[in-house]
Amino acid sequence: MRITSKGQVTIPLEIRDKLGLKASSEVEFELLPDGKVCLTRVDKPARRSALVKKMKGRTTTRLSTDEIMKLTRG
């Protein structure tokens, strides 16, 4: 298997089927201590909730939700 100039590889169909990977699926790569790489399917809701948890309490403004919505909608 070859890596393209953009760093892309094709995941074999058998592996995609076993992991339930589709065209819009999200995956993570992990480099293991023995030099191997682990590919894991990431469930979008779990990823989103992790992002929300990470961002919680990060605001530097005292705007209300309505004020923020006005700003984002122009």
Protein backbone atom coordinates (compact mmCIF):
# COMPACT_ATOMS: atom_id res chain seq x y z
CA MET A 1 0.00 0.00 0.00
CA ARG A 2 1.33 3.44 -0.90
CA ILE A 3 0.92 6.82 0.70
CA THR A 4 -0.03 9.65 -1.67
CA SER A 5 1.81 12.97 -1.77
CA LYS A 6 -0.99 14.32 0.47
CA GLY A 7 -0.37 11.60 3.07
CA GLN A 8 -3.49 9.65 2.13
CA VAL A 9 -3.96 5.89 2.10
CA THR A 10 -6.91 3.70 1.16
CA ILE A 11 -8.35 1.71 4.05
CA PRO A 12 -9.12 -1.78 2.73
CA LEU A 13 -12.84 -2.54 2.30
CA GLU A 14 -12.72 -5.46 4.77
CA ILE A 15 -11.43 -3.16 7.53
CA ARG A 16 -13.92 -0.39 6.66
CA ASP A 17 -16.76 -2.91 6.80
CA LYS A 18 -15.63 -4.37 10.15
CA LEU A 19 -15.30 -0.90 11.71
CA GLY A 20 -18.46 0.43 10.06
CA LEU A 21 -16.57 3.23 8.34
CA LYS A 22 -18.41 5.29 5.72
CA ALA A 23 -17.27 8.24 3.59
CA SER A 24 -18.06 10.78 6.33
CA SER A 25 -16.79 8.70 9.26
CA GLU A 26 -14.34 10.19 11.73
CA VAL A 27 -11.25 8.25 12.80
CA GLU A 28 -8.33 8.77 15.14
CA PHE A 29 -4.78 7.52 14.80
CA GLU A 30 -2.66 6.57 17.79
CA LEU A 31 1.05 5.79 17.66
CA LEU A 32 1.75 2.79 19.88
CA PRO A 33 5.03 2.31 21.79
CA ASP A 34 6.08 -0.52 19.48
CA GLY A 35 5.92 1.80 16.44
CA LYS A 36 2.59 0.48 15.18
CA VAL A 37 -0.40 2.71 14.47
CA CYS A 38 -3.88 2.09 15.82
CA LEU A 39 -6.89 3.31 13.79
CA THR A 40 -10.10 3.85 15.79
CA ARG A 41 -13.55 4.92 14.65
CA VAL A 42 -14.77 7.97 16.55
CA ASP A 43 -18.46 8.36 17.28
CA LYS A 44 -19.48 11.95 16.51
CA PRO A 45 -21.70 12.47 19.59
CA ALA A 46 -18.89 11.34 21.90
CA ARG A 47 -16.44 13.64 20.14
CA ARG A 48 -18.86 16.58 20.32
CA SER A 49 -19.55 16.07 24.03
CA ALA A 50 -15.80 15.92 24.71
CA LEU A 51 -15.38 19.23 22.88
CA VAL A 52 -18.24 20.82 24.83
CA LYS A 53 -16.74 19.58 28.11
CA LYS A 54 -13.33 20.98 27.12
CA MET A 55 -14.78 24.37 26.19
CA LYS A 56 -17.10 24.72 29.20
CA GLY A 57 -16.14 27.69 31.35
CA ARG A 58 -13.74 29.11 28.75
CA THR A 59 -15.63 32.28 27.92
CA THR A 60 -13.97 35.62 28.50
CA THR A 61 -17.08 37.72 27.96
CA ARG A 62 -20.19 38.39 29.99
CA LEU A 63 -22.59 38.48 27.03
CA SER A 64 -25.95 36.75 27.31
CA THR A 65 -26.88 33.98 24.89
CA ASP A 66 -29.24 36.38 23.08
CA GLU A 67 -26.45 38.94 22.68
CA ILE A 68 -24.08 36.31 21.31
CA MET A 69 -26.74 35.11 18.86
CA LYS A 70 -27.27 38.68 17.62
CA LEU A 71 -23.52 39.04 17.00
CA THR A 72 -23.24 35.73 15.14
CA ARG A 73 -26.26 36.45 12.94
CA GLY A 74 -25.04 39.93 12.01
